[in-house]
PDB file of N, CA and C in Angstrom:
ATOM      1  N   MET A   1       1.281  76.306  11.753  1.00  0.00           N
ATOM      2  CA  MET A   1       1.420  77.771  12.711  1.00  0.00           C
ATOM      3  C   MET A   1       3.094  78.181  12.187  1.00  0.00           C
ATOM      4  N   LYS A   2       3.100  79.626  11.547  1.00  0.00           N
ATOM      5  CA  LYS A   2       4.773  79.201  11.407  1.00  0.00           C
ATOM      6  C   LYS A   2       5.556  80.433  12.264  1.00  0.00           C
ATOM      7  N   ILE A   3       6.459  80.317  12.493  1.00  0.00           N
ATOM      8  CA  ILE A   3       7.082  80.442  13.535  1.00  0.00           C
ATOM      9  C   ILE A   3       7.840  81.740  13.392  1.00  0.00           C
ATOM     10  N   ASN A   4       8.499  82.570  13.623  1.00  0.00           N
ATOM     11  CA  ASN A   4       9.419  83.643  13.419  1.00  0.00           C
ATOM     12  C   ASN A   4      11.055  82.740  14.013  1.00  0.00           C
ATOM     13  N   PHE A   5      11.385  82.613  12.724  1.00  0.00           N
ATOM     14  CA  PHE A   5      13.036  82.184  13.544  1.00  0.00           C
ATOM     15  C   PHE A   5      13.079  83.695  14.267  1.00  0.00           C
ATOM     16  N   LEU A   6      13.406  84.133  14.007  1.00  0.00           N
ATOM     17  CA  LEU A   6      14.404  85.075  14.495  1.00  0.00           C
ATOM     18  C   LEU A   6      13.431  85.535  16.494  1.00  0.00           C
ATOM     19  N   TRP A   7      12.884  85.311  17.332  1.00  0.00           N
ATOM     20  CA  TRP A   7      11.932  85.307  18.515  1.00  0.00           C
ATOM     21  C   TRP A   7      13.221  84.203  18.917  1.00  0.00           C
ATOM     22  N   TYR A   8      13.588  83.618  18.574  1.00  0.00           N
ATOM     23  CA  TYR A   8      14.514  82.398  19.460  1.00  0.00           C
ATOM     24  C   TYR A   8      16.133  84.024  19.997  1.00  0.00           C
ATOM     25  N   PHE A   9      16.086  84.880  18.890  1.00  0.00           N
ATOM     26  CA  PHE A   9      17.074  85.396  19.120  1.00  0.00           C
ATOM     27  C   PHE A   9      16.971  86.204  20.574  1.00  0.00           C
ATOM     28  N   LEU A  10      15.716  86.548  21.449  1.00  0.00           N
ATOM     29  CA  LEU A  10      15.342  87.781  21.876  1.00  0.00           C
ATOM     30  C   LEU A  10      15.989  86.271  23.370  1.00  0.00           C
ATOM     31  N   PRO A  11      15.647  84.748  23.649  1.00  0.00           N
ATOM     32  CA  PRO A  11      15.954  84.309  24.674  1.00  0.00           C
ATOM     33  C   PRO A  11      17.520  83.743  24.738  1.00  0.00           C
ATOM     34  N   LEU A  12      18.554  83.996  22.621  1.00  0.00           N
ATOM     35  CA  LEU A  12      19.346  83.875  23.078  1.00  0.00           C
ATOM     36  C   LEU A  12      20.291  85.375  23.565  1.00  0.00           C
ATOM     37  N   LEU A  13      19.952  86.239  23.335  1.00  0.00           N
ATOM     38  CA  LEU A  13      20.277  87.795  23.195  1.00  0.00           C
ATOM     39  C   LEU A  13      20.673  87.243  25.074  1.00  0.00           C
ATOM     40  N   ALA A  14      20.103  87.676  25.599  1.00  0.00           N
ATOM     41  CA  ALA A  14      19.349  86.820  27.439  1.00  0.00           C
ATOM     42  C   ALA A  14      20.326  86.600  27.547  1.00  0.00           C
ATOM     43  N   SER A  15      20.298  85.469  27.233  1.00  0.00           N
ATOM     44  CA  SER A  15      21.756  84.276  27.362  1.00  0.00           C
ATOM     45  C   SER A  15      23.301  84.053  27.636  1.00  0.00           C
ATOM     46  N   VAL A  16      23.467  84.665  26.730  1.00  0.00           N
ATOM     47  CA  VAL A  16      24.633  84.767  26.063  1.00  0.00           C
ATOM     48  C   VAL A  16      24.888  86.433  26.877  1.00  0.00           C
ATOM     49  N   SER A  17      23.958  87.383  27.057  1.00  0.00           N
ATOM     50  CA  SER A  17      24.880  88.469  27.231  1.00  0.00           C
ATOM     51  C   SER A  17      24.982  88.430  29.456  1.00  0.00           C
ATOM     52  N   LEU A  18      23.437  87.396  29.984  1.00  0.00           N
ATOM     53  CA  LEU A  18      24.036  87.214  31.398  1.00  0.00           C
ATOM     54  C   LEU A  18      25.542  86.261  31.451  1.00  0.00           C
ATOM     55  N   VAL A  19      25.148  85.103  30.613  1.00  0.00           N
ATOM     56  CA  VAL A  19      26.124  84.478  31.722  1.00  0.00           C
ATOM     57  C   VAL A  19      27.706  84.748  30.414  1.00  0.00           C
ATOM     58  N   TYR A  20      27.807  85.708  29.882  1.00  0.00           N
ATOM     59  CA  TYR A  20      29.290  86.676  29.468  1.00  0.00           C
ATOM     60  C   TYR A  20      29.249  87.522  30.795  1.00  0.00           C
ATOM     61  N   ALA A  21      28.248  88.268  31.512  1.00  0.00           N
ATOM     62  CA  ALA A  21      28.388  89.203  32.193  1.00  0.00           C
ATOM     63  C   ALA A  21      28.697  88.063  33.894  1.00  0.00           C
ATOM     64  N   GLY A  22      28.306  87.163  34.298  1.00  0.00           N
ATOM     65  CA  GLY A  22      28.418  86.582  35.361  1.00  0.00           C
ATOM     66  C   GLY A  22      29.830  86.188  35.417  1.00  0.00           C
ATOM     67  N   THR A  23      30.404  85.597  34.554  1.00  0.00           N
ATOM     68  CA  THR A  23      32.083  85.613  34.363  1.00  0.00           C
ATOM     69  C   THR A  23      32.889  86.315  34.446  1.00  0.00           C
ATOM     70  N   ARG A  24      32.309  88.249  34.519  1.00  0.00           N
ATOM     71  CA  ARG A  24      33.527  89.181  34.191  1.00  0.00           C
ATOM     72  C   ARG A  24      33.343  89.983  35.759  1.00  0.00           C
ATOM     73  N   GLN A  25      31.605  89.585  36.327  1.00  0.00           N
ATOM     74  CA  GLN A  25      30.910  90.026  37.811  1.00  0.00           C
ATOM     75  C   GLN A  25      30.929  88.914  39.066  1.00  0.00           C
ATOM     76  N   GLU A  26      30.333  89.338  40.406  1.00  0.00           N
ATOM     77  CA  GLU A  26      30.041  89.270  41.029  1.00  0.00           C
ATOM     78  C   GLU A  26      28.613  89.247  41.899  1.00  0.00           C
ATOM     79  N   ARG A  27      28.380  90.474  41.952  1.00  0.00           N
ATOM     80  CA  ARG A  27      27.396  90.709  42.560  1.00  0.00           C
ATOM     81  C   ARG A  27      26.461  91.232  41.616  1.00  0.00           C
ATOM     82  N   MET A  28      25.415  91.127  41.827  1.00  0.00           N
ATOM     83  CA  MET A  28      23.790  90.891  41.041  1.00  0.00           C
ATOM     84  C   MET A  28      24.051  92.512  39.857  1.00  0.00           C
ATOM     85  N   ARG A  29      23.841  93.904  41.325  1.00  0.00           N
ATOM     86  CA  ARG A  29      23.548  94.537  40.033  1.00  0.00           C
ATOM     87  C   ARG A  29      24.551  94.180  39.361  1.00  0.00           C
ATOM     88  N   ALA A  30      26.379  94.555  39.058  1.00  0.00           N
ATOM     89  CA  ALA A  30      26.451  94.150  38.353  1.00  0.00           C
ATOM     90  C   ALA A  30      26.948  93.401  37.534  1.00  0.00           C
ATOM     91  N   ILE A  31      26.519  92.368  37.659  1.00  0.00           N
ATOM     92  CA  ILE A  31      26.033  91.189  37.064  1.00  0.00           C
ATOM     93  C   ILE A  31      25.341  92.504  35.765  1.00  0.00           C
ATOM     94  N   LEU A  32      23.719  92.431  36.538  1.00  0.00           N
ATOM     95  CA  LEU A  32      22.743  93.007  35.088  1.00  0.00           C
ATOM     96  C   LEU A  32      23.372  94.344  34.205  1.00  0.00           C
ATOM     97  N   VAL A  33      24.270  95.438  34.905  1.00  0.00           N
ATOM     98  CA  VAL A  33      24.649  95.952  34.377  1.00  0.00           C
ATOM     99  C   VAL A  33      25.258  95.806  33.164  1.00  0.00           C
ATOM    100  N   GLN A  34      26.096  95.474  32.918  1.00  0.00           N
ATOM    101  CA  GLN A  34      26.777  94.458  32.168  1.00  0.00           C
ATOM    102  C   GLN A  34      26.302  93.468  31.600  1.00  0.00           C
ATOM    103  N   ALA A  35      24.799  92.966  31.358  1.00  0.00           N
ATOM    104  CA  ALA A  35      24.561  92.340  30.685  1.00  0.00           C
ATOM    105  C   ALA A  35      23.873  92.714  29.590  1.00  0.00           C
ATOM    106  N   VAL A  36      23.251  94.466  30.019  1.00  0.00           N
ATOM    107  CA  VAL A  36      23.003  95.180  29.375  1.00  0.00           C
ATOM    108  C   VAL A  36      23.508  95.630  28.416  1.00  0.00           C
ATOM    109  N   HIS A  37      25.210  96.612  28.551  1.00  0.00           N
ATOM    110  CA  HIS A  37      25.933  96.636  27.960  1.00  0.00           C
ATOM    111  C   HIS A  37      26.372  95.878  27.196  1.00  0.00           C
ATOM    112  N   THR A  38      26.405  94.334  27.421  1.00  0.00           N
ATOM    113  CA  THR A  38      26.949  93.334  26.313  1.00  0.00           C
ATOM    114  C   THR A  38      25.740  93.179  25.087  1.00  0.00           C
ATOM    115  N   ALA A  39      24.606  92.889  25.713  1.00  0.00           N
ATOM    116  CA  ALA A  39      23.396  93.109  25.199  1.00  0.00           C
ATOM    117  C   ALA A  39      23.140  93.932  23.433  1.00  0.00           C
ATOM    118  N   VAL A  40      23.051  95.417  24.565  1.00  0.00           N
ATOM    119  CA  VAL A  40      23.830  96.389  23.708  1.00  0.00           C
ATOM    120  C   VAL A  40      24.426  96.209  22.403  1.00  0.00           C
ATOM    121  N   TRP A  41      25.689  96.658  22.450  1.00  0.00           N
ATOM    122  CA  TRP A  41      27.239  95.618  21.904  1.00  0.00           C
ATOM    123  C   TRP A  41      26.499  95.284  21.125  1.00  0.00           C
ATOM    124  N   ILE A  42      25.522  93.510  21.443  1.00  0.00           N
ATOM    125  CA  ILE A  42      25.930  92.682  20.265  1.00  0.00           C
ATOM    126  C   ILE A  42      24.433  93.242  19.629  1.00  0.00           C
ATOM    127  N   VAL A  43      23.845  93.732  19.735  1.00  0.00           N
ATOM    128  CA  VAL A  43      22.079  94.329  18.708  1.00  0.00           C
ATOM    129  C   VAL A  43      23.328  95.259  17.988  1.00  0.00           C
ATOM    130  N   GLY A  44      24.195  96.545  18.315  1.00  0.00           N
ATOM    131  CA  GLY A  44      23.889  96.749  17.365  1.00  0.00           C
ATOM    132  C   GLY A  44      25.390  96.660  16.936  1.00  0.00           C
ATOM    133  N   PHE A  45      26.515  95.773  17.396  1.00  0.00           N
ATOM    134  CA  PHE A  45      26.877  94.921  16.163  1.00  0.00           C
ATOM    135  C   PHE A  45      26.591  94.717  14.876  1.00  0.00           C
ATOM    136  N   MET A  46      25.618  93.537  15.368  1.00  0.00           N
ATOM    137  CA  MET A  46      24.324  92.691  14.492  1.00  0.00           C
ATOM    138  C   MET A  46      23.719  93.683  13.366  1.00  0.00           C
ATOM    139  N   ALA A  47      23.110  95.243  13.814  1.00  0.00           N
ATOM    140  CA  ALA A  47      22.495  95.818  13.247  1.00  0.00           C
ATOM    141  C   ALA A  47      23.530  96.314  12.079  1.00  0.00           C
ATOM    142  N   ALA A  48      24.555  96.921  12.359  1.00  0.00           N
ATOM    143  CA  ALA A  48      25.347  97.406  11.598  1.00  0.00           C
ATOM    144  C   ALA A  48      25.839  96.202  10.251  1.00  0.00           C
ATOM    145  N   ILE A  49      26.134  94.796  10.476  1.00  0.00           N
ATOM    146  CA  ILE A  49      26.187  93.978  10.350  1.00  0.00           C
ATOM    147  C   ILE A  49      25.142  94.278   8.670  1.00  0.00           C
ATOM    148  N   ALA A  50      23.824  94.132   9.443  1.00  0.00           N
ATOM    149  CA  ALA A  50      22.588  93.997   8.374  1.00  0.00           C
ATOM    150  C   ALA A  50      22.734  95.112   7.530  1.00  0.00           C
ATOM    151  N   ILE A  51      23.585  96.495   7.885  1.00  0.00           N
ATOM    152  CA  ILE A  51      22.945  97.768   7.525  1.00  0.00           C
ATOM    153  C   ILE A  51      23.891  97.788   6.474  1.00  0.00           C
ATOM    154  N   ILE A  52      24.926  96.692   6.041  1.00  0.00           N
ATOM    155  CA  ILE A  52      26.884  96.541   5.457  1.00  0.00           C
ATOM    156  C   ILE A  52      26.076  95.705   4.176  1.00  0.00           C
ATOM    157  N   LEU A  53      25.101  94.917   5.167  1.00  0.00           N
ATOM    158  CA  LEU A  53      24.384  93.566   3.967  1.00  0.00           C
ATOM    159  C   LEU A  53      23.087  93.406   2.971  1.00  0.00           C
ATOM    160  N   GLN A  54      22.643  95.141   3.175  1.00  0.00           N
ATOM    161  CA  GLN A  54      21.036  96.063   2.725  1.00  0.00           C
ATOM    162  C   GLN A  54      22.138  96.343   1.674  1.00  0.00           C
ATOM    163  N   ILE A  55      23.182  97.539   2.147  1.00  0.00           N
ATOM    164  CA  ILE A  55      24.231  98.184   1.531  1.00  0.00           C
ATOM    165  C   ILE A  55      24.641  97.271   0.127  1.00  0.00           C
ATOM    166  N   LEU A  56      25.315  96.134   0.614  1.00  0.00           N
ATOM    167  CA  LEU A  56      25.770  96.420  -0.792  1.00  0.00           C
ATOM    168  C   LEU A  56      24.621  94.833  -1.322  1.00  0.00           C
ATOM    169  N   ASP A  57      24.210  94.885  -0.840  1.00  0.00           N
ATOM    170  CA  ASP A  57      22.432  94.165  -1.718  1.00  0.00           C
ATOM    171  C   ASP A  57      22.291  94.738  -3.098  1.00  0.00           C
ATOM    172  N   ALA A  58      21.848  96.645  -2.438  1.00  0.00           N
ATOM    173  CA  ALA A  58      21.199  96.870  -3.028  1.00  0.00           C
ATOM    174  C   ALA A  58      22.281  97.494  -4.435  1.00  0.00           C
ATOM    175  N   PHE A  59      23.556  97.271  -4.384  1.00  0.00           N
ATOM    176  CA  PHE A  59      23.862  97.775  -5.533  1.00  0.00           C
ATOM    177  C   PHE A  59      24.551  96.956  -6.185  1.00  0.00           C
ATOM    178  N   SER A  60      24.211  95.079  -6.093  1.00  0.00           N
ATOM    179  CA  SER A  60      24.619  93.658  -6.710  1.00  0.00           C
ATOM    180  C   SER A  60      23.223  93.997  -7.575  1.00  0.00           C
TER     181      SER A  60
END
């Protein structure tokens, strides 16, 4: 059975976002809000890099 390695991204994203938010905030609600913001930022940044790489690959 082959596992797609992109599925490892979801728990990694959740854990990194929660730890980062936990070091910045003290209240649970603030931690969760900050974790969502961090997760969106990480996904957006990775999507931008993927788009740039796809464009570069198309022109090479």
